[in-house]
Protein backbone atom coordinates (compact mmCIF):
# COMPACT_ATOMS: atom_id res chain seq x y z
CA MET A 1 7.32 -15.41 -8.18
CA ILE A 2 7.21 -15.61 -4.37
CA ALA A 3 5.63 -18.45 -2.38
CA ASP A 4 1.95 -18.11 -1.51
CA ALA A 5 0.25 -18.32 1.88
CA THR A 6 -0.30 -22.06 1.71
CA THR A 7 3.43 -22.57 2.10
CA ALA A 8 4.55 -19.50 3.99
CA GLY A 9 1.84 -17.94 6.22
CA ILE A 10 1.27 -14.69 4.34
CA SER A 11 -0.05 -11.48 5.89
CA ARG A 12 -1.38 -8.43 4.09
CA LEU A 13 -1.06 -4.91 5.38
CA VAL A 14 -2.58 -1.88 3.67
CA TYR A 15 -1.82 1.58 4.99
CA VAL A 16 -2.58 5.15 4.03
CA SER A 17 -0.28 8.04 4.85
CA ALA A 18 0.11 11.73 4.11
CA ALA A 19 3.24 12.69 2.20
CA THR A 20 5.15 15.35 4.12
CA ALA A 21 6.24 16.91 0.80
CA PRO A 22 5.13 16.52 -2.82
CA GLN A 23 6.73 13.52 -4.54
CA ASP A 24 7.73 14.07 -8.17
CA SER A 25 8.50 11.31 -10.68
CA ASP A 26 12.19 11.19 -9.73
CA ALA A 27 11.41 10.85 -6.02
CA LEU A 28 8.88 8.10 -6.70
CA THR A 29 11.39 6.28 -8.91
CA ARG A 30 13.93 6.32 -6.06
CA ILE A 31 11.32 5.12 -3.54
CA LEU A 32 10.29 2.26 -5.84
CA ALA A 33 13.89 1.19 -6.56
CA LYS A 34 14.76 1.05 -2.85
CA SER A 35 11.47 -0.68 -2.00
CA ARG A 36 12.01 -3.31 -4.67
CA ASP A 37 15.51 -4.06 -3.38
CA ASN A 38 14.32 -4.33 0.22
CA ASN A 39 11.24 -6.35 -0.69
CA ARG A 40 13.20 -8.79 -2.87
CA ARG A 41 15.54 -9.36 0.08
CA ASP A 42 12.63 -9.78 2.54
CA GLY A 43 10.21 -11.79 0.38
CA ILE A 44 7.61 -8.99 0.33
CA THR A 45 5.35 -8.18 -2.60
CA GLY A 46 3.01 -5.27 -2.99
CA LEU A 47 1.67 -2.20 -4.67
CA LEU A 48 2.20 1.53 -4.12
CA ILE A 49 -0.21 4.26 -5.17
CA TYR A 50 0.66 7.94 -4.81
CA HIS A 51 -1.82 10.68 -5.53
CA ASP A 52 -2.16 14.24 -4.31
CA MET A 53 0.09 13.96 -1.25
CA THR A 54 -1.37 10.57 -0.27
CA PHE A 55 0.41 7.22 -0.24
CA ILE A 56 -1.65 4.02 -0.31
CA GLN A 57 0.40 0.88 -0.10
CA LEU A 58 -0.31 -2.84 0.08
CA LEU A 59 2.39 -5.11 1.49
CA GLU A 60 2.28 -8.93 1.54
CA GLY A 61 4.72 -11.35 3.09
CA ALA A 62 5.66 -13.15 6.26
CA PRO A 63 4.16 -11.36 9.29
CA ASP A 64 7.54 -10.53 10.87
CA ASP A 65 8.90 -9.16 7.59
CA ILE A 66 5.78 -7.04 7.10
CA ALA A 67 6.07 -5.70 10.65
CA ARG A 68 9.71 -4.67 10.10
CA CYS A 69 8.88 -3.05 6.76
CA PHE A 70 5.94 -1.15 8.25
CA ALA A 71 8.15 0.05 11.13
CA ARG A 72 10.64 1.48 8.58
CA ILE A 73 7.82 3.18 6.67
CA SER A 74 6.28 4.61 9.86
CA ALA A 75 9.65 6.11 10.82
CA ASP A 76 10.33 7.49 7.32
CA PRO A 77 10.15 11.31 7.38
CA ARG A 78 8.39 11.31 3.97
CA HIS A 79 5.29 9.83 5.67
CA GLY A 80 2.98 11.53 8.15
CA SER A 81 -0.28 10.33 9.69
CA VAL A 82 0.41 6.68 8.85
CA SER A 83 -2.74 4.58 9.40
CA ARG A 84 -3.27 0.86 8.96
CA VAL A 85 -6.38 0.14 6.92
CA LEU A 86 -6.20 -3.66 6.61
CA ASP A 87 -3.90 -5.99 8.48
CA GLY A 88 -4.08 -9.75 8.74
CA PRO A 89 -3.52 -13.17 7.16
CA VAL A 90 -4.54 -13.91 3.59
CA ALA A 91 -4.95 -17.12 1.61
CA ALA A 92 -2.80 -15.89 -1.30
CA ARG A 93 -0.90 -12.85 -2.47
CA SER A 94 -2.75 -10.32 -4.61
CA PHE A 95 0.36 -9.29 -6.56
CA PRO A 96 2.84 -12.21 -6.32
CA GLU A 97 4.93 -11.03 -9.28
CA TRP A 98 5.59 -7.51 -7.94
CA GLN A 99 8.33 -6.74 -5.41
CA MET A 100 6.64 -3.34 -5.53
CA GLY A 101 4.23 -2.43 -8.26
CA PHE A 102 3.20 1.15 -8.87
CA ALA A 103 -0.25 2.29 -9.94
CA ASP A 104 -0.32 5.73 -11.52
CA THR A 105 -3.73 7.33 -11.02
CA ARG A 106 -3.39 9.03 -14.43
CA GLU A 107 -3.39 5.57 -16.05
CA MET A 108 -6.20 4.03 -13.96
CA SER A 109 -9.75 3.48 -15.05
CA SER A 110 -12.09 6.20 -13.85
CA GLN A 111 -13.64 3.68 -11.43
CA ALA A 112 -10.28 2.90 -9.78
CA ARG A 113 -9.23 6.57 -9.75
CA ASP A 114 -12.49 7.53 -8.02
CA LYS A 115 -11.78 4.96 -5.30
CA VAL A 116 -8.26 6.32 -4.77
CA LEU A 117 -9.66 9.85 -4.54
CA SER A 118 -12.24 8.66 -2.00
CA ILE A 119 -9.52 7.05 0.13
CA GLY A 120 -7.48 10.27 -0.02
CA GLU A 121 -10.53 12.28 0.98
CA LEU A 122 -11.15 10.03 3.98
CA ARG A 123 -7.53 10.54 5.01
CA THR A 124 -7.69 14.32 4.78
CA ASN A 125 -11.19 14.81 6.19
CA GLY A 126 -11.46 11.95 8.66
CA SER A 127 -10.27 11.29 12.16
CA ALA A 128 -6.62 10.96 13.09
CA SER A 129 -6.88 7.26 12.22
CA VAL A 130 -8.60 6.43 8.96
CA SER A 131 -8.60 2.81 10.06
CA ASP A 132 -11.50 3.79 12.36
CA ASP A 133 -13.70 4.38 9.30
CA PRO A 134 -15.79 1.22 8.76
CA GLY A 135 -16.25 1.85 5.04
CA LEU A 136 -12.55 2.25 4.30
CA SER A 137 -11.66 -1.42 4.32
CA VAL A 138 -14.53 -2.12 1.91
CA LEU A 139 -13.32 0.71 -0.33
CA VAL A 140 -9.71 -0.54 -0.29
CA LYS A 141 -10.76 -4.14 -1.04
CA SER A 142 -12.88 -2.88 -3.92
CA LEU A 143 -9.95 -0.84 -5.27
CA LEU A 144 -7.63 -3.85 -5.09
CA GLY A 145 -10.19 -5.95 -6.95
CA THR A 146 -10.35 -3.28 -9.65
CA LEU A 147 -6.56 -3.10 -9.98
CA ARG A 148 -6.18 -6.89 -10.22
CA GLY A 149 -8.49 -6.82 -13.20
C-alpha cells in the first residue's frame, strides 16, 4: 500500500484519450505491465479503462510524479486527443492498492458500463477538449464511486 494524502500531498488526474489504433488483450497486457513498473517506481496508483478506442485513466500520486507520467502519456503515439477531465489534490487515494488496476467493461455492472459508454460518447461527439463539458467531471466521479463499490 502507498502512503495517503495526509502524509504525502496526493493529486488525482483523470484523463480521456482516443486510441490511435485498436488495443487487443496482448497490447493492453503490455501497457499494464509497463505502467505498473513505472508507477511502482514513482509511487503512483490508479486505474485504466479501455473501451471502443477510448482510454480513461485515473492517476494518483505526488503532483510532480503525476505531471511527469501525464507528459509521457500525452507524448505516447498510442494516444490521441488527450484531455484532462479532473486534476487536483485529494484527501486520499481511491485505489491505494493498485499500481495500475484495469477495469474491463465486459465485467462491469451495467450501471458502470453505461457511464463508460457515456464518457466515450462525449469524447467522440464533443469539442476538442472534453474537459470543457461541465457534466463530465460529475460523470467520472460517479463512475469512480461505482467502481470502488
